[in-house]
Amino acid sequence: GICRDMVNGFTCTCQPGFTGTMCQIDIDECASTPCQNGAKCYDRPNGFECRCAEGYEGRLCESNINNCQPDPCHHGTC
C-alpha cells in the first residue's frame, strides 16, 4: 500500500485486493461464492479462479458444455 505520514501517526491506502490498517489482510474474493455449478474457488491476489466441475466451463463455470457438439451419435439422434 501507500503510506501517508500524518501528525502523530500514519494512514495506509491499500492496493486492490487488500484491506486493514496496514493493508495486511488479503480480501477473500471466494467468500461471496462467485463460482457456480459445484466449482471450486481459489482465492488469488486481487481476484479468484474457478475450477469447474466436469461438464461446465466459463470464468464462473456458468456454461454447461454441450456434449452433442460435434455430434457423437453417428447413426442416431443426440
PDB file of N, CA and C in Angstrom:
ATOM      1  N   GLY A   1       0.814  -1.186   0.000  1.00  0.00           N
ATOM      2  CA  GLY A   1       0.000   0.000   0.000  1.00  0.00           C
ATOM      3  C   GLY A   1       0.859   1.252   0.000  1.00  0.00           C
ATOM      4  N   ILE A   2       0.203   2.372   0.024  1.00  0.00           N
ATOM      5  CA  ILE A   2       0.880   3.664   0.053  1.00  0.00           C
ATOM      6  C   ILE A   2       0.721   4.248   1.451  1.00  0.00           C
ATOM      7  N   CYS A   3       1.859   4.563   2.093  1.00  0.00           N
ATOM      8  CA  CYS A   3       1.865   5.118   3.441  1.00  0.00           C
ATOM      9  C   CYS A   3       1.865   6.639   3.361  1.00  0.00           C
ATOM     10  N   ARG A   4       0.960   7.254   4.121  1.00  0.00           N
ATOM     11  CA  ARG A   4       0.906   8.713   4.195  1.00  0.00           C
ATOM     12  C   ARG A   4       1.185   9.127   5.642  1.00  0.00           C
ATOM     13  N   ASP A   5       2.206   9.976   5.797  1.00  0.00           N
ATOM     14  CA  ASP A   5       2.600  10.463   7.114  1.00  0.00           C
ATOM     15  C   ASP A   5       1.561  11.462   7.614  1.00  0.00           C
ATOM     16  N   MET A   6       1.130  11.271   8.849  1.00  0.00           N
ATOM     17  CA  MET A   6       0.157  12.163   9.476  1.00  0.00           C
ATOM     18  C   MET A   6       0.773  12.668  10.785  1.00  0.00           C
ATOM     19  N   VAL A   7       0.184  13.678  11.364  1.00  0.00           N
ATOM     20  CA  VAL A   7       0.620  14.139  12.677  1.00  0.00           C
ATOM     21  C   VAL A   7       0.333  13.019  13.681  1.00  0.00           C
ATOM     22  N   ASN A   8       1.343  12.589  14.402  1.00  0.00           N
ATOM     23  CA  ASN A   8       1.218  11.518  15.406  1.00  0.00           C
ATOM     24  C   ASN A   8       0.760  10.187  14.818  1.00  0.00           C
ATOM     25  N   GLY A   9       1.128   9.864  13.589  1.00  0.00           N
ATOM     26  CA  GLY A   9       0.763   8.571  13.029  1.00  0.00           C
ATOM     27  C   GLY A   9       0.875   8.524  11.520  1.00  0.00           C
ATOM     28  N   PHE A  10       0.159   7.590  10.945  1.00  0.00           N
ATOM     29  CA  PHE A  10       0.178   7.388   9.500  1.00  0.00           C
ATOM     30  C   PHE A  10      -1.138   6.768   9.071  1.00  0.00           C
ATOM     31  N   THR A  11      -1.376   6.774   7.789  1.00  0.00           N
ATOM     32  CA  THR A  11      -2.524   6.079   7.213  1.00  0.00           C
ATOM     33  C   THR A  11      -2.057   5.359   5.954  1.00  0.00           C
ATOM     34  N   CYS A  12      -2.656   4.228   5.687  1.00  0.00           N
ATOM     35  CA  CYS A  12      -2.293   3.432   4.509  1.00  0.00           C
ATOM     36  C   CYS A  12      -3.432   3.449   3.493  1.00  0.00           C
ATOM     37  N   THR A  13      -3.083   3.603   2.238  1.00  0.00           N
ATOM     38  CA  THR A  13      -4.022   3.424   1.140  1.00  0.00           C
ATOM     39  C   THR A  13      -3.659   2.099   0.484  1.00  0.00           C
ATOM     40  N   CYS A  14      -4.569   1.146   0.558  1.00  0.00           N
ATOM     41  CA  CYS A  14      -4.271  -0.226   0.129  1.00  0.00           C
ATOM     42  C   CYS A  14      -4.386  -0.403  -1.381  1.00  0.00           C
ATOM     43  N   GLN A  15      -3.593  -1.353  -1.885  1.00  0.00           N
ATOM     44  CA  GLN A  15      -3.716  -1.781  -3.273  1.00  0.00           C
ATOM     45  C   GLN A  15      -4.984  -2.616  -3.404  1.00  0.00           C
ATOM     46  N   PRO A  16      -5.545  -2.712  -4.622  1.00  0.00           N
ATOM     47  CA  PRO A  16      -6.747  -3.532  -4.807  1.00  0.00           C
ATOM     48  C   PRO A  16      -6.516  -4.959  -4.312  1.00  0.00           C
ATOM     49  N   GLY A  17      -7.496  -5.497  -3.604  1.00  0.00           N
ATOM     50  CA  GLY A  17      -7.414  -6.861  -3.104  1.00  0.00           C
ATOM     51  C   GLY A  17      -6.921  -6.966  -1.675  1.00  0.00           C
ATOM     52  N   PHE A  18      -6.547  -5.819  -1.059  1.00  0.00           N
ATOM     53  CA  PHE A  18      -6.052  -5.827   0.314  1.00  0.00           C
ATOM     54  C   PHE A  18      -6.808  -4.803   1.146  1.00  0.00           C
ATOM     55  N   THR A  19      -6.875  -5.061   2.451  1.00  0.00           N
ATOM     56  CA  THR A  19      -7.550  -4.171   3.381  1.00  0.00           C
ATOM     57  C   THR A  19      -6.838  -4.240   4.724  1.00  0.00           C
ATOM     58  N   GLY A  20      -7.303  -3.467   5.678  1.00  0.00           N
ATOM     59  CA  GLY A  20      -6.709  -3.434   7.012  1.00  0.00           C
ATOM     60  C   GLY A  20      -5.946  -2.144   7.231  1.00  0.00           C
ATOM     61  N   THR A  21      -5.663  -1.842   8.493  1.00  0.00           N
ATOM     62  CA  THR A  21      -4.995  -0.584   8.813  1.00  0.00           C
ATOM     63  C   THR A  21      -3.622  -0.481   8.176  1.00  0.00           C
ATOM     64  N   MET A  22      -2.958  -1.629   7.963  1.00  0.00           N
ATOM     65  CA  MET A  22      -1.648  -1.632   7.306  1.00  0.00           C
ATOM     66  C   MET A  22      -1.659  -2.474   6.029  1.00  0.00           C
ATOM     67  N   CYS A  23      -2.851  -2.640   5.449  1.00  0.00           N
ATOM     68  CA  CYS A  23      -3.023  -3.412   4.198  1.00  0.00           C
ATOM     69  C   CYS A  23      -2.508  -4.842   4.342  1.00  0.00           C
ATOM     70  N   GLN A  24      -2.648  -5.401   5.534  1.00  0.00           N
ATOM     71  CA  GLN A  24      -2.106  -6.719   5.821  1.00  0.00           C
ATOM     72  C   GLN A  24      -3.092  -7.856   5.544  1.00  0.00           C
ATOM     73  N   ILE A  25      -4.322  -7.538   5.207  1.00  0.00           N
ATOM     74  CA  ILE A  25      -5.346  -8.566   5.014  1.00  0.00           C
ATOM     75  C   ILE A  25      -5.657  -8.719   3.529  1.00  0.00           C
ATOM     76  N   ASP A  26      -5.450  -9.939   3.020  1.00  0.00           N
ATOM     77  CA  ASP A  26      -5.809 -10.274   1.635  1.00  0.00           C
ATOM     78  C   ASP A  26      -7.312 -10.540   1.609  1.00  0.00           C
ATOM     79  N   ILE A  27      -8.056  -9.746   0.854  1.00  0.00           N
ATOM     80  CA  ILE A  27      -9.505  -9.927   0.755  1.00  0.00           C
ATOM     81  C   ILE A  27      -9.788 -11.266   0.081  1.00  0.00           C
ATOM     82  N   ASP A  28     -10.661 -12.073   0.699  1.00  0.00           N
ATOM     83  CA  ASP A  28     -11.018 -13.387   0.154  1.00  0.00           C
ATOM     84  C   ASP A  28     -12.176 -13.220  -0.829  1.00  0.00           C
ATOM     85  N   GLU A  29     -11.842 -13.132  -2.115  1.00  0.00           N
ATOM     86  CA  GLU A  29     -12.874 -12.956  -3.133  1.00  0.00           C
ATOM     87  C   GLU A  29     -13.767 -14.188  -3.261  1.00  0.00           C
ATOM     88  N   CYS A  30     -13.355 -15.321  -2.711  1.00  0.00           N
ATOM     89  CA  CYS A  30     -14.181 -16.531  -2.751  1.00  0.00           C
ATOM     90  C   CYS A  30     -15.288 -16.506  -1.690  1.00  0.00           C
ATOM     91  N   ALA A  31     -15.202 -15.581  -0.731  1.00  0.00           N
ATOM     92  CA  ALA A  31     -16.188 -15.523   0.348  1.00  0.00           C
ATOM     93  C   ALA A  31     -17.601 -15.287  -0.177  1.00  0.00           C
ATOM     94  N   SER A  32     -17.731 -14.627  -1.313  1.00  0.00           N
ATOM     95  CA  SER A  32     -19.058 -14.367  -1.890  1.00  0.00           C
ATOM     96  C   SER A  32     -19.534 -15.510  -2.783  1.00  0.00           C
ATOM     97  N   THR A  33     -18.817 -16.632  -2.792  1.00  0.00           N
ATOM     98  CA  THR A  33     -19.116 -17.820  -3.606  1.00  0.00           C
ATOM     99  C   THR A  33     -19.463 -17.473  -5.051  1.00  0.00           C
ATOM    100  N   PRO A  34     -18.504 -16.894  -5.795  1.00  0.00           N
ATOM    101  CA  PRO A  34     -18.777 -16.492  -7.179  1.00  0.00           C
ATOM    102  C   PRO A  34     -18.847 -17.658  -8.161  1.00  0.00           C
ATOM    103  N   CYS A  35     -18.204 -18.777  -7.845  1.00  0.00           N
ATOM    104  CA  CYS A  35     -18.168 -19.921  -8.772  1.00  0.00           C
ATOM    105  C   CYS A  35     -19.486 -20.685  -8.697  1.00  0.00           C
ATOM    106  N   GLN A  36     -19.949 -21.158  -9.837  1.00  0.00           N
ATOM    107  CA  GLN A  36     -21.261 -21.794  -9.931  1.00  0.00           C
ATOM    108  C   GLN A  36     -21.143 -23.290 -10.222  1.00  0.00           C
ATOM    109  N   ASN A  37     -22.251 -23.982 -10.089  1.00  0.00           N
ATOM    110  CA  ASN A  37     -22.406 -25.382 -10.502  1.00  0.00           C
ATOM    111  C   ASN A  37     -21.384 -26.314  -9.871  1.00  0.00           C
ATOM    112  N   GLY A  38     -21.130 -26.126  -8.569  1.00  0.00           N
ATOM    113  CA  GLY A  38     -20.243 -27.031  -7.841  1.00  0.00           C
ATOM    114  C   GLY A  38     -18.765 -26.817  -8.088  1.00  0.00           C
ATOM    115  N   ALA A  39     -18.403 -25.690  -8.680  1.00  0.00           N
ATOM    116  CA  ALA A  39     -16.991 -25.405  -8.964  1.00  0.00           C
ATOM    117  C   ALA A  39     -16.245 -25.083  -7.675  1.00  0.00           C
ATOM    118  N   LYS A  40     -14.945 -25.305  -7.680  1.00  0.00           N
ATOM    119  CA  LYS A  40     -14.064 -24.982  -6.555  1.00  0.00           C
ATOM    120  C   LYS A  40     -13.469 -23.601  -6.786  1.00  0.00           C
ATOM    121  N   CYS A  41     -13.511 -22.748  -5.763  1.00  0.00           N
ATOM    122  CA  CYS A  41     -12.983 -21.387  -5.862  1.00  0.00           C
ATOM    123  C   CYS A  41     -11.619 -21.312  -5.189  1.00  0.00           C
ATOM    124  N   TYR A  42     -10.661 -20.690  -5.866  1.00  0.00           N
ATOM    125  CA  TYR A  42      -9.321 -20.465  -5.324  1.00  0.00           C
ATOM    126  C   TYR A  42      -9.075 -18.963  -5.256  1.00  0.00           C
ATOM    127  N   ASP A  43      -8.801 -18.469  -4.038  1.00  0.00           N
ATOM    128  CA  ASP A  43      -8.516 -17.050  -3.839  1.00  0.00           C
ATOM    129  C   ASP A  43      -7.143 -16.732  -4.405  1.00  0.00           C
ATOM    130  N   ARG A  44      -7.056 -15.663  -5.157  1.00  0.00           N
ATOM    131  CA  ARG A  44      -5.798 -15.180  -5.739  1.00  0.00           C
ATOM    132  C   ARG A  44      -5.622 -13.726  -5.331  1.00  0.00           C
ATOM    133  N   PRO A  45      -4.398 -13.192  -5.393  1.00  0.00           N
ATOM    134  CA  PRO A  45      -4.219 -11.768  -5.095  1.00  0.00           C
ATOM    135  C   PRO A  45      -5.092 -10.906  -6.018  1.00  0.00           C
ATOM    136  N   ASN A  46      -5.976 -10.130  -5.425  1.00  0.00           N
ATOM    137  CA  ASN A  46      -6.876  -9.243  -6.157  1.00  0.00           C
ATOM    138  C   ASN A  46      -7.771  -9.981  -7.151  1.00  0.00           C
ATOM    139  N   GLY A  47      -8.196 -11.197  -6.806  1.00  0.00           N
ATOM    140  CA  GLY A  47      -9.083 -11.938  -7.688  1.00  0.00           C
ATOM    141  C   GLY A  47      -9.322 -13.355  -7.205  1.00  0.00           C
ATOM    142  N   PHE A  48      -9.851 -14.178  -8.083  1.00  0.00           N
ATOM    143  CA  PHE A  48     -10.134 -15.575  -7.770  1.00  0.00           C
ATOM    144  C   PHE A  48     -10.097 -16.385  -9.059  1.00  0.00           C
ATOM    145  N   GLU A  49     -10.045 -17.695  -8.901  1.00  0.00           N
ATOM    146  CA  GLU A  49     -10.067 -18.613 -10.042  1.00  0.00           C
ATOM    147  C   GLU A  49     -11.057 -19.723  -9.732  1.00  0.00           C
ATOM    148  N   CYS A  50     -11.895 -20.057 -10.701  1.00  0.00           N
ATOM    149  CA  CYS A  50     -12.841 -21.160 -10.553  1.00  0.00           C
ATOM    150  C   CYS A  50     -12.310 -22.383 -11.292  1.00  0.00           C
ATOM    151  N   ARG A  51     -12.330 -23.530 -10.638  1.00  0.00           N
ATOM    152  CA  ARG A  51     -12.035 -24.810 -11.287  1.00  0.00           C
ATOM    153  C   ARG A  51     -13.368 -25.522 -11.438  1.00  0.00           C
ATOM    154  N   CYS A  52     -13.794 -25.661 -12.680  1.00  0.00           N
ATOM    155  CA  CYS A  52     -15.137 -26.157 -12.976  1.00  0.00           C
ATOM    156  C   CYS A  52     -15.280 -27.652 -12.718  1.00  0.00           C
ATOM    157  N   ALA A  53     -16.487 -28.025 -12.294  1.00  0.00           N
ATOM    158  CA  ALA A  53     -16.853 -29.433 -12.215  1.00  0.00           C
ATOM    159  C   ALA A  53     -16.994 -29.955 -13.643  1.00  0.00           C
ATOM    160  N   GLU A  54     -16.879 -31.257 -13.791  1.00  0.00           N
ATOM    161  CA  GLU A  54     -16.978 -31.861 -15.122  1.00  0.00           C
ATOM    162  C   GLU A  54     -18.304 -31.487 -15.771  1.00  0.00           C
ATOM    163  N   GLY A  55     -18.226 -31.072 -17.032  1.00  0.00           N
ATOM    164  CA  GLY A  55     -19.417 -30.719 -17.788  1.00  0.00           C
ATOM    165  C   GLY A  55     -19.720 -29.230 -17.830  1.00  0.00           C
ATOM    166  N   TYR A  56     -18.890 -28.413 -17.144  1.00  0.00           N
ATOM    167  CA  TYR A  56     -19.120 -26.966 -17.116  1.00  0.00           C
ATOM    168  C   TYR A  56     -17.869 -26.212 -17.530  1.00  0.00           C
ATOM    169  N   GLU A  57     -18.065 -24.998 -18.046  1.00  0.00           N
ATOM    170  CA  GLU A  57     -16.956 -24.144 -18.457  1.00  0.00           C
ATOM    171  C   GLU A  57     -17.364 -22.688 -18.277  1.00  0.00           C
ATOM    172  N   GLY A  58     -16.412 -21.777 -18.488  1.00  0.00           N
ATOM    173  CA  GLY A  58     -16.647 -20.345 -18.334  1.00  0.00           C
ATOM    174  C   GLY A  58     -15.906 -19.812 -17.122  1.00  0.00           C
ATOM    175  N   ARG A  59     -15.743 -18.504 -17.045  1.00  0.00           N
ATOM    176  CA  ARG A  59     -14.994 -17.887 -15.947  1.00  0.00           C
ATOM    177  C   ARG A  59     -15.595 -18.254 -14.594  1.00  0.00           C
ATOM    178  N   LEU A  60     -16.926 -18.336 -14.515  1.00  0.00           N
ATOM    179  CA  LEU A  60     -17.610 -18.683 -13.272  1.00  0.00           C
ATOM    180  C   LEU A  60     -18.196 -20.092 -13.324  1.00  0.00           C
ATOM    181  N   CYS A  61     -17.837 -20.854 -14.368  1.00  0.00           N
ATOM    182  CA  CYS A  61     -18.372 -22.205 -14.594  1.00  0.00           C
ATOM    183  C   CYS A  61     -19.885 -22.156 -14.788  1.00  0.00           C
ATOM    184  N   GLU A  62     -20.317 -21.108 -15.479  1.00  0.00           N
ATOM    185  CA  GLU A  62     -21.743 -20.858 -15.667  1.00  0.00           C
ATOM    186  C   GLU A  62     -22.323 -21.550 -16.888  1.00  0.00           C
ATOM    187  N   SER A  63     -21.480 -22.087 -17.768  1.00  0.00           N
ATOM    188  CA  SER A  63     -21.960 -22.664 -19.027  1.00  0.00           C
ATOM    189  C   SER A  63     -21.856 -24.183 -19.014  1.00  0.00           C
ATOM    190  N   ASN A  64     -22.966 -24.830 -19.346  1.00  0.00           N
ATOM    191  CA  ASN A  64     -22.989 -26.282 -19.476  1.00  0.00           C
ATOM    192  C   ASN A  64     -22.378 -26.634 -20.828  1.00  0.00           C
ATOM    193  N   ILE A  65     -21.381 -27.509 -20.829  1.00  0.00           N
ATOM    194  CA  ILE A  65     -20.754 -27.935 -22.084  1.00  0.00           C
ATOM    195  C   ILE A  65     -21.753 -28.786 -22.860  1.00  0.00           C
ATOM    196  N   ASN A  66     -21.956 -28.456 -24.133  1.00  0.00           N
ATOM    197  CA  ASN A  66     -22.866 -29.212 -24.991  1.00  0.00           C
ATOM    198  C   ASN A  66     -22.126 -30.451 -25.489  1.00  0.00           C
ATOM    199  N   ASN A  67     -22.444 -31.600 -24.898  1.00  0.00           N
ATOM    200  CA  ASN A  67     -21.769 -32.848 -25.256  1.00  0.00           C
ATOM    201  C   ASN A  67     -22.197 -33.384 -26.616  1.00  0.00           C
ATOM    202  N   CYS A  68     -23.176 -32.735 -27.247  1.00  0.00           N
ATOM    203  CA  CYS A  68     -23.613 -33.158 -28.579  1.00  0.00           C
ATOM    204  C   CYS A  68     -22.899 -32.387 -29.684  1.00  0.00           C
ATOM    205  N   GLN A  69     -21.896 -31.604 -29.365  1.00  0.00           N
ATOM    206  CA  GLN A  69     -21.110 -30.874 -30.368  1.00  0.00           C
ATOM    207  C   GLN A  69     -19.660 -31.293 -30.276  1.00  0.00           C
ATOM    208  N   PRO A  70     -19.043 -31.835 -31.270  1.00  0.00           N
ATOM    209  CA  PRO A  70     -19.676 -32.296 -32.508  1.00  0.00           C
ATOM    210  C   PRO A  70     -20.516 -33.545 -32.239  1.00  0.00           C
ATOM    211  N   ASP A  71     -21.419 -33.850 -33.130  1.00  0.00           N
ATOM    212  CA  ASP A  71     -22.379 -34.942 -32.967  1.00  0.00           C
ATOM    213  C   ASP A  71     -21.675 -36.286 -32.790  1.00  0.00           C
ATOM    214  N   PRO A  72     -21.745 -36.868 -31.571  1.00  0.00           N
ATOM    215  CA  PRO A  72     -21.084 -38.151 -31.323  1.00  0.00           C
ATOM    216  C   PRO A  72     -21.952 -39.359 -31.667  1.00  0.00           C
ATOM    217  N   CYS A  73     -23.185 -39.121 -32.107  1.00  0.00           N
ATOM    218  CA  CYS A  73     -24.149 -40.211 -32.242  1.00  0.00           C
ATOM    219  C   CYS A  73     -24.114 -40.918 -33.597  1.00  0.00           C
ATOM    220  N   HIS A  74     -23.300 -40.478 -34.512  1.00  0.00           N
ATOM    221  CA  HIS A  74     -23.101 -41.074 -35.835  1.00  0.00           C
ATOM    222  C   HIS A  74     -24.406 -41.459 -36.534  1.00  0.00           C
ATOM    223  N   HIS A  75     -25.039 -42.562 -36.142  1.00  0.00           N
ATOM    224  CA  HIS A  75     -26.235 -43.051 -36.833  1.00  0.00           C
ATOM    225  C   HIS A  75     -27.458 -42.982 -35.922  1.00  0.00           C
ATOM    226  N   GLY A  76     -27.518 -41.970 -35.089  1.00  0.00           N
ATOM    227  CA  GLY A  76     -28.650 -41.808 -34.180  1.00  0.00           C
ATOM    228  C   GLY A  76     -28.892 -40.342 -33.903  1.00  0.00           C
ATOM    229  N   THR A  77     -29.735 -40.080 -32.930  1.00  0.00           N
ATOM    230  CA  THR A  77     -30.062 -38.711 -32.548  1.00  0.00           C
ATOM    231  C   THR A  77     -29.513 -38.440 -31.161  1.00  0.00           C
ATOM    232  N   CYS A  78     -28.792 -37.359 -31.047  1.00  0.00           N
ATOM    233  CA  CYS A  78     -28.212 -36.998 -29.757  1.00  0.00           C
ATOM    234  C   CYS A  78     -29.230 -36.204 -28.967  1.00  0.00           C
TER     235      CYS A  78
END
